[in-house]
Amino acid sequence: MTDSSGRVVYWGTGRRKTAVARVRLVPGSGKLIINGREGDNYLNYNPAYLNATRLPLETLGLEGDYDILANVHGGGLTGQADAIRLGVARALCELAPENRKPLKVEGFLSRDPRRKERKKYGLKKARKAPQFSKR
């Protein structure tokens, strides 16, 4: 797919917990832009989050070849970083189908199904019961 300036764009959508990321991969110099801000600034210069967003590109040896443009909403920074990672991996599969196998082996194409467990009535939290008194 191409954008208005004629550049080739690859799309991928990632989700994690309540975070949703719509990711575009554009040929460029390896910049990360999230919601119109520099990726370092948006992710509070946290190396774990920054590394997570670039891992799929590093796995394929493409870290300096594509810019990551992401629109993210919902969740916290951890969920958003992991949602971007999944979106980047899916966009790389769209770029070239042969990228799918190495990404799948590393686990980048699997959506993490864990979610917050709901609170049950009669309990203080999802599983925490009120203190028991025998007498």
N, C-alpha and C. Protein backbone atom coordinates (compact mmCIF):
# COMPACT_ATOMS: atom_id res chain seq x y z
N MET A 1 0.85 -1.18 0.00
CA MET A 1 0.00 0.00 0.00
C MET A 1 0.89 1.24 0.00
N THR A 2 0.46 2.31 -0.65
CA THR A 2 1.24 3.55 -0.67
C THR A 2 0.46 4.67 0.00
N ASP A 3 1.20 5.63 0.58
CA ASP A 3 0.53 6.78 1.20
C ASP A 3 0.47 7.93 0.20
N SER A 4 0.03 9.11 0.64
CA SER A 4 -0.20 10.24 -0.26
C SER A 4 1.09 10.74 -0.92
N SER A 5 2.25 10.53 -0.27
CA SER A 5 3.51 10.97 -0.86
C SER A 5 4.15 9.90 -1.75
N GLY A 6 3.49 8.76 -1.93
CA GLY A 6 3.98 7.72 -2.82
C GLY A 6 4.90 6.71 -2.16
N ARG A 7 5.10 6.81 -0.83
CA ARG A 7 5.95 5.85 -0.13
C ARG A 7 5.17 4.55 0.10
N VAL A 8 5.89 3.44 0.10
CA VAL A 8 5.27 2.14 0.40
C VAL A 8 5.07 2.05 1.90
N VAL A 9 3.87 1.67 2.32
CA VAL A 9 3.53 1.57 3.74
C VAL A 9 3.00 0.18 4.04
N TYR A 10 3.47 -0.40 5.15
CA TYR A 10 2.98 -1.70 5.59
C TYR A 10 2.28 -1.52 6.94
N TRP A 11 1.07 -2.07 7.07
CA TRP A 11 0.24 -1.89 8.26
C TRP A 11 0.22 -3.15 9.10
N GLY A 12 0.08 -2.97 10.41
CA GLY A 12 -0.10 -4.08 11.33
C GLY A 12 -0.83 -3.59 12.56
N THR A 13 -1.71 -4.40 13.11
CA THR A 13 -2.44 -4.05 14.32
C THR A 13 -2.02 -4.98 15.43
N GLY A 14 -1.74 -4.41 16.60
CA GLY A 14 -1.34 -5.21 17.75
C GLY A 14 -2.21 -4.88 18.95
N ARG A 15 -2.48 -5.87 19.79
CA ARG A 15 -3.26 -5.66 21.01
C ARG A 15 -2.59 -6.37 22.16
N ARG A 16 -2.70 -5.79 23.36
CA ARG A 16 -2.18 -6.41 24.58
C ARG A 16 -2.95 -5.84 25.75
N LYS A 17 -3.59 -6.69 26.55
CA LYS A 17 -4.47 -6.26 27.63
C LYS A 17 -5.52 -5.32 27.05
N THR A 18 -5.54 -4.04 27.44
CA THR A 18 -6.53 -3.12 26.86
C THR A 18 -5.90 -2.15 25.88
N ALA A 19 -4.62 -2.31 25.57
CA ALA A 19 -3.92 -1.41 24.64
C ALA A 19 -4.11 -1.89 23.20
N VAL A 20 -4.33 -0.94 22.30
CA VAL A 20 -4.45 -1.25 20.88
C VAL A 20 -3.50 -0.34 20.12
N ALA A 21 -2.69 -0.93 19.24
CA ALA A 21 -1.71 -0.16 18.46
C ALA A 21 -1.95 -0.40 16.97
N ARG A 22 -2.09 0.70 16.24
CA ARG A 22 -2.13 0.64 14.77
C ARG A 22 -0.76 1.10 14.29
N VAL A 23 -0.01 0.18 13.68
CA VAL A 23 1.40 0.42 13.35
C VAL A 23 1.58 0.50 11.84
N ARG A 24 2.37 1.50 11.42
CA ARG A 24 2.77 1.62 10.01
C ARG A 24 4.28 1.48 9.93
N LEU A 25 4.76 0.67 9.00
CA LEU A 25 6.19 0.57 8.70
C LEU A 25 6.45 1.29 7.39
N VAL A 26 7.36 2.26 7.44
CA VAL A 26 7.68 3.07 6.27
C VAL A 26 9.18 2.99 6.05
N PRO A 27 9.65 2.79 4.82
CA PRO A 27 11.10 2.80 4.59
C PRO A 27 11.69 4.11 5.10
N GLY A 28 12.77 4.01 5.88
CA GLY A 28 13.37 5.20 6.47
C GLY A 28 14.66 4.87 7.19
N SER A 29 14.89 5.58 8.31
CA SER A 29 16.18 5.48 8.99
C SER A 29 16.10 4.78 10.34
N GLY A 30 14.94 4.23 10.72
CA GLY A 30 14.83 3.51 11.98
C GLY A 30 14.22 4.31 13.12
N LYS A 31 13.52 5.41 12.80
CA LYS A 31 12.90 6.22 13.84
C LYS A 31 11.65 5.53 14.40
N LEU A 32 11.33 5.85 15.65
CA LEU A 32 10.13 5.35 16.30
C LEU A 32 9.29 6.55 16.71
N ILE A 33 8.09 6.67 16.16
CA ILE A 33 7.20 7.78 16.48
C ILE A 33 5.88 7.19 16.96
N ILE A 34 5.50 7.55 18.20
CA ILE A 34 4.27 7.04 18.81
C ILE A 34 3.36 8.21 19.11
N ASN A 35 2.16 8.19 18.56
CA ASN A 35 1.17 9.26 18.75
C ASN A 35 1.76 10.65 18.47
N GLY A 36 2.59 10.74 17.43
CA GLY A 36 3.17 12.02 17.04
C GLY A 36 4.36 12.47 17.87
N ARG A 37 4.79 11.67 18.85
CA ARG A 37 5.94 12.02 19.70
C ARG A 37 7.07 11.04 19.45
N GLU A 38 8.30 11.47 19.75
CA GLU A 38 9.45 10.57 19.66
C GLU A 38 9.21 9.37 20.57
N GLY A 39 9.60 8.19 20.13
CA GLY A 39 9.38 6.98 20.90
C GLY A 39 10.08 7.00 22.26
N ASP A 40 11.31 7.54 22.30
CA ASP A 40 12.04 7.61 23.58
C ASP A 40 11.26 8.44 24.58
N ASN A 41 10.78 9.58 24.12
CA ASN A 41 10.04 10.50 24.99
C ASN A 41 8.73 9.87 25.45
N TYR A 42 8.01 9.25 24.53
CA TYR A 42 6.70 8.67 24.86
C TYR A 42 6.84 7.52 25.87
N LEU A 43 7.86 6.70 25.70
CA LEU A 43 8.05 5.53 26.57
C LEU A 43 8.97 5.83 27.76
N ASN A 44 9.12 7.10 28.10
CA ASN A 44 9.89 7.55 29.28
C ASN A 44 11.32 7.04 29.28
N TYR A 45 11.94 6.91 28.12
CA TYR A 45 13.34 6.50 27.99
C TYR A 45 13.61 5.15 28.66
N ASN A 46 12.57 4.32 28.79
CA ASN A 46 12.71 3.01 29.42
C ASN A 46 13.29 2.03 28.40
N PRO A 47 14.51 1.51 28.64
CA PRO A 47 15.13 0.64 27.63
C PRO A 47 14.34 -0.64 27.36
N ALA A 48 13.64 -1.16 28.38
CA ALA A 48 12.88 -2.40 28.18
C ALA A 48 11.75 -2.17 27.17
N TYR A 49 11.03 -1.04 27.30
CA TYR A 49 9.94 -0.74 26.38
C TYR A 49 10.47 -0.44 24.98
N LEU A 50 11.54 0.35 24.90
CA LEU A 50 12.11 0.72 23.60
C LEU A 50 12.64 -0.52 22.88
N ASN A 51 13.29 -1.40 23.63
CA ASN A 51 13.82 -2.63 23.04
C ASN A 51 12.69 -3.52 22.54
N ALA A 52 11.60 -3.61 23.33
CA ALA A 52 10.48 -4.47 22.95
C ALA A 52 9.88 -4.04 21.61
N THR A 53 9.79 -2.73 21.37
CA THR A 53 9.17 -2.25 20.13
C THR A 53 10.03 -2.56 18.91
N ARG A 54 11.35 -2.65 19.10
CA ARG A 54 12.26 -2.86 17.96
C ARG A 54 12.70 -4.31 17.77
N LEU A 55 12.34 -5.19 18.71
CA LEU A 55 12.81 -6.59 18.64
C LEU A 55 12.49 -7.30 17.33
N PRO A 56 11.26 -7.19 16.78
CA PRO A 56 11.00 -7.90 15.51
C PRO A 56 11.91 -7.44 14.37
N LEU A 57 12.20 -6.13 14.31
CA LEU A 57 13.10 -5.63 13.27
C LEU A 57 14.52 -6.15 13.47
N GLU A 58 14.98 -6.18 14.74
CA GLU A 58 16.33 -6.67 15.04
C GLU A 58 16.46 -8.15 14.72
N THR A 59 15.40 -8.91 14.94
CA THR A 59 15.42 -10.35 14.64
C THR A 59 15.69 -10.59 13.15
N LEU A 60 15.12 -9.73 12.31
CA LEU A 60 15.29 -9.89 10.86
C LEU A 60 16.45 -9.07 10.31
N GLY A 61 17.13 -8.30 11.16
CA GLY A 61 18.26 -7.49 10.72
C GLY A 61 17.85 -6.27 9.92
N LEU A 62 16.67 -5.71 10.21
CA LEU A 62 16.15 -4.56 9.46
C LEU A 62 16.04 -3.30 10.32
N GLU A 63 16.76 -3.23 11.48
CA GLU A 63 16.51 -2.16 12.45
C GLU A 63 16.74 -0.74 11.90
N GLY A 64 17.62 -0.55 10.93
CA GLY A 64 17.86 0.80 10.41
C GLY A 64 17.14 1.09 9.11
N ASP A 65 16.34 0.15 8.63
CA ASP A 65 15.74 0.29 7.29
C ASP A 65 14.32 0.84 7.29
N TYR A 66 13.62 0.75 8.42
CA TYR A 66 12.21 1.15 8.45
C TYR A 66 11.91 2.04 9.65
N ASP A 67 11.07 3.05 9.43
CA ASP A 67 10.55 3.88 10.51
C ASP A 67 9.27 3.22 11.02
N ILE A 68 9.06 3.30 12.34
CA ILE A 68 7.85 2.77 12.96
C ILE A 68 6.97 3.95 13.35
N LEU A 69 5.79 4.04 12.76
CA LEU A 69 4.82 5.08 13.11
C LEU A 69 3.64 4.38 13.76
N ALA A 70 3.38 4.68 15.03
CA ALA A 70 2.34 3.96 15.76
C ALA A 70 1.33 4.91 16.38
N ASN A 71 0.06 4.56 16.27
CA ASN A 71 -1.01 5.22 17.02
C ASN A 71 -1.49 4.22 18.06
N VAL A 72 -1.39 4.61 19.33
CA VAL A 72 -1.71 3.69 20.42
C VAL A 72 -2.72 4.34 21.34
N HIS A 73 -3.66 3.54 21.85
CA HIS A 73 -4.55 4.04 22.89
C HIS A 73 -4.90 2.90 23.83
N GLY A 74 -5.25 3.25 25.06
CA GLY A 74 -5.64 2.27 26.06
C GLY A 74 -4.46 1.66 26.77
N GLY A 75 -4.70 1.18 27.98
CA GLY A 75 -3.68 0.46 28.73
C GLY A 75 -2.58 1.35 29.26
N GLY A 76 -1.53 0.73 29.75
CA GLY A 76 -0.35 1.43 30.26
C GLY A 76 0.80 1.28 29.30
N LEU A 77 1.97 1.74 29.70
CA LEU A 77 3.12 1.72 28.81
C LEU A 77 3.58 0.30 28.46
N THR A 78 3.51 -0.61 29.41
CA THR A 78 3.93 -1.99 29.13
C THR A 78 3.03 -2.62 28.08
N GLY A 79 1.72 -2.50 28.27
CA GLY A 79 0.77 -3.05 27.30
C GLY A 79 0.91 -2.39 25.95
N GLN A 80 1.13 -1.07 25.93
CA GLN A 80 1.27 -0.35 24.67
C GLN A 80 2.54 -0.78 23.94
N ALA A 81 3.65 -0.94 24.67
CA ALA A 81 4.91 -1.37 24.04
C ALA A 81 4.76 -2.77 23.43
N ASP A 82 4.10 -3.67 24.15
CA ASP A 82 3.90 -5.02 23.62
C ASP A 82 2.91 -5.03 22.46
N ALA A 83 1.93 -4.13 22.48
CA ALA A 83 0.99 -4.03 21.36
C ALA A 83 1.72 -3.53 20.11
N ILE A 84 2.63 -2.58 20.29
CA ILE A 84 3.42 -2.07 19.16
C ILE A 84 4.30 -3.19 18.60
N ARG A 85 4.89 -4.00 19.50
CA ARG A 85 5.73 -5.11 19.05
C ARG A 85 4.94 -6.08 18.17
N LEU A 86 3.73 -6.42 18.58
CA LEU A 86 2.90 -7.33 17.79
C LEU A 86 2.52 -6.68 16.46
N GLY A 87 2.20 -5.39 16.48
CA GLY A 87 1.86 -4.68 15.25
C GLY A 87 3.02 -4.63 14.27
N VAL A 88 4.23 -4.39 14.78
CA VAL A 88 5.43 -4.37 13.92
C VAL A 88 5.65 -5.74 13.31
N ALA A 89 5.51 -6.79 14.11
CA ALA A 89 5.71 -8.16 13.60
C ALA A 89 4.70 -8.49 12.49
N ARG A 90 3.44 -8.08 12.69
CA ARG A 90 2.43 -8.35 11.66
C ARG A 90 2.68 -7.55 10.39
N ALA A 91 3.18 -6.32 10.55
CA ALA A 91 3.51 -5.51 9.38
C ALA A 91 4.69 -6.12 8.62
N LEU A 92 5.64 -6.69 9.33
CA LEU A 92 6.79 -7.33 8.68
C LEU A 92 6.36 -8.58 7.90
N CYS A 93 5.33 -9.27 8.38
CA CYS A 93 4.79 -10.42 7.64
C CYS A 93 4.12 -9.96 6.35
N GLU A 94 3.49 -8.78 6.41
CA GLU A 94 2.87 -8.22 5.21
C GLU A 94 3.94 -7.80 4.21
N LEU A 95 5.08 -7.31 4.72
CA LEU A 95 6.20 -6.87 3.88
C LEU A 95 6.74 -8.03 3.05
N ALA A 96 6.98 -9.16 3.71
CA ALA A 96 7.48 -10.34 3.00
C ALA A 96 7.02 -11.59 3.74
N PRO A 97 6.28 -12.48 3.06
CA PRO A 97 5.75 -13.68 3.73
C PRO A 97 6.83 -14.58 4.34
N GLU A 98 8.07 -14.54 3.81
CA GLU A 98 9.12 -15.39 4.37
C GLU A 98 9.59 -14.91 5.75
N ASN A 99 9.20 -13.69 6.15
CA ASN A 99 9.53 -13.20 7.50
C ASN A 99 8.71 -13.89 8.58
N ARG A 100 7.63 -14.55 8.19
CA ARG A 100 6.70 -15.12 9.16
C ARG A 100 7.35 -16.20 10.03
N LYS A 101 8.13 -17.08 9.43
CA LYS A 101 8.70 -18.22 10.17
C LYS A 101 9.64 -17.77 11.29
N PRO A 102 10.66 -16.91 11.02
CA PRO A 102 11.54 -16.51 12.13
C PRO A 102 10.81 -15.72 13.22
N LEU A 103 9.81 -14.94 12.83
CA LEU A 103 9.06 -14.18 13.83
C LEU A 103 8.21 -15.10 14.69
N LYS A 104 7.64 -16.13 14.07
CA LYS A 104 6.80 -17.08 14.81
C LYS A 104 7.65 -17.89 15.81
N VAL A 105 8.86 -18.27 15.38
CA VAL A 105 9.76 -19.03 16.25
C VAL A 105 10.10 -18.22 17.50
N GLU A 106 10.31 -16.90 17.34
CA GLU A 106 10.63 -16.02 18.48
C GLU A 106 9.40 -15.68 19.30
N GLY A 107 8.20 -15.99 18.81
CA GLY A 107 6.97 -15.74 19.56
C GLY A 107 6.40 -14.34 19.38
N PHE A 108 6.82 -13.62 18.35
CA PHE A 108 6.36 -12.24 18.14
C PHE A 108 4.99 -12.16 17.49
N LEU A 109 4.48 -13.26 16.96
CA LEU A 109 3.18 -13.23 16.28
C LEU A 109 2.05 -13.75 17.16
N SER A 110 2.36 -14.05 18.41
CA SER A 110 1.34 -14.57 19.33
C SER A 110 0.81 -13.45 20.20
N ARG A 111 -0.50 -13.29 20.23
CA ARG A 111 -1.11 -12.30 21.11
C ARG A 111 -1.16 -12.88 22.50
N ASP A 112 -0.73 -12.11 23.49
CA ASP A 112 -0.75 -12.57 24.88
C ASP A 112 -2.19 -12.54 25.38
N PRO A 113 -2.79 -13.69 25.70
CA PRO A 113 -4.22 -13.72 26.03
C PRO A 113 -4.55 -13.33 27.47
N ARG A 114 -3.53 -13.10 28.31
CA ARG A 114 -3.81 -12.82 29.73
C ARG A 114 -4.50 -11.48 29.89
N ARG A 115 -5.54 -11.47 30.74
CA ARG A 115 -6.29 -10.25 31.02
C ARG A 115 -6.52 -10.16 32.52
N LYS A 116 -6.95 -9.01 32.98
CA LYS A 116 -7.25 -8.82 34.39
C LYS A 116 -8.48 -9.67 34.74
N GLU A 117 -8.38 -10.42 35.83
CA GLU A 117 -9.50 -11.25 36.26
C GLU A 117 -10.53 -10.39 36.98
N ARG A 118 -11.80 -10.66 36.73
CA ARG A 118 -12.83 -9.82 37.32
C ARG A 118 -12.99 -10.07 38.81
N LYS A 119 -13.44 -9.05 39.53
CA LYS A 119 -13.71 -9.15 40.96
C LYS A 119 -15.02 -9.91 41.15
N LYS A 120 -15.04 -10.82 42.15
CA LYS A 120 -16.26 -11.55 42.45
C LYS A 120 -16.90 -10.99 43.72
N TYR A 121 -18.23 -11.04 43.78
CA TYR A 121 -18.91 -10.54 44.98
C TYR A 121 -18.58 -11.45 46.16
N GLY A 122 -18.55 -10.85 47.35
CA GLY A 122 -18.18 -11.60 48.54
C GLY A 122 -16.69 -11.65 48.78
N LEU A 123 -15.90 -11.20 47.80
CA LEU A 123 -14.44 -11.16 47.93
C LEU A 123 -13.97 -9.72 47.82
N LYS A 124 -12.77 -9.45 48.36
CA LYS A 124 -12.23 -8.10 48.32
C LYS A 124 -11.66 -7.76 46.94
N LYS A 125 -11.02 -8.76 46.32
CA LYS A 125 -10.47 -8.60 44.97
C LYS A 125 -10.88 -9.84 44.18
N ALA A 126 -10.21 -10.13 43.08
CA ALA A 126 -10.59 -11.27 42.26
C ALA A 126 -10.53 -12.58 43.04
N ARG A 127 -9.51 -12.75 43.88
CA ARG A 127 -9.36 -14.00 44.63
C ARG A 127 -9.16 -13.80 46.13
N LYS A 128 -8.89 -12.57 46.55
CA LYS A 128 -8.61 -12.30 47.96
C LYS A 128 -9.91 -12.30 48.78
N ALA A 129 -9.95 -13.20 49.76
CA ALA A 129 -11.14 -13.31 50.60
C ALA A 129 -10.98 -12.43 51.84
N PRO A 130 -12.09 -12.00 52.44
CA PRO A 130 -11.98 -11.24 53.69
C PRO A 130 -11.41 -12.15 54.78
N GLN A 131 -10.83 -11.53 55.80
CA GLN A 131 -10.20 -12.30 56.88
C GLN A 131 -11.23 -13.21 57.55
N PHE A 132 -10.82 -14.45 57.81
CA PHE A 132 -11.71 -15.43 58.42
C PHE A 132 -11.52 -15.43 59.94
N SER A 133 -12.61 -15.34 60.67
CA SER A 133 -12.54 -15.39 62.13
C SER A 133 -13.32 -16.61 62.59
N LYS A 134 -12.68 -17.47 63.35
CA LYS A 134 -13.33 -18.71 63.79
C LYS A 134 -14.39 -18.42 64.87
N ARG A 135 -14.15 -17.43 65.71
CA ARG A 135 -15.10 -17.09 66.79
C ARG A 135 -15.46 -15.64 66.76
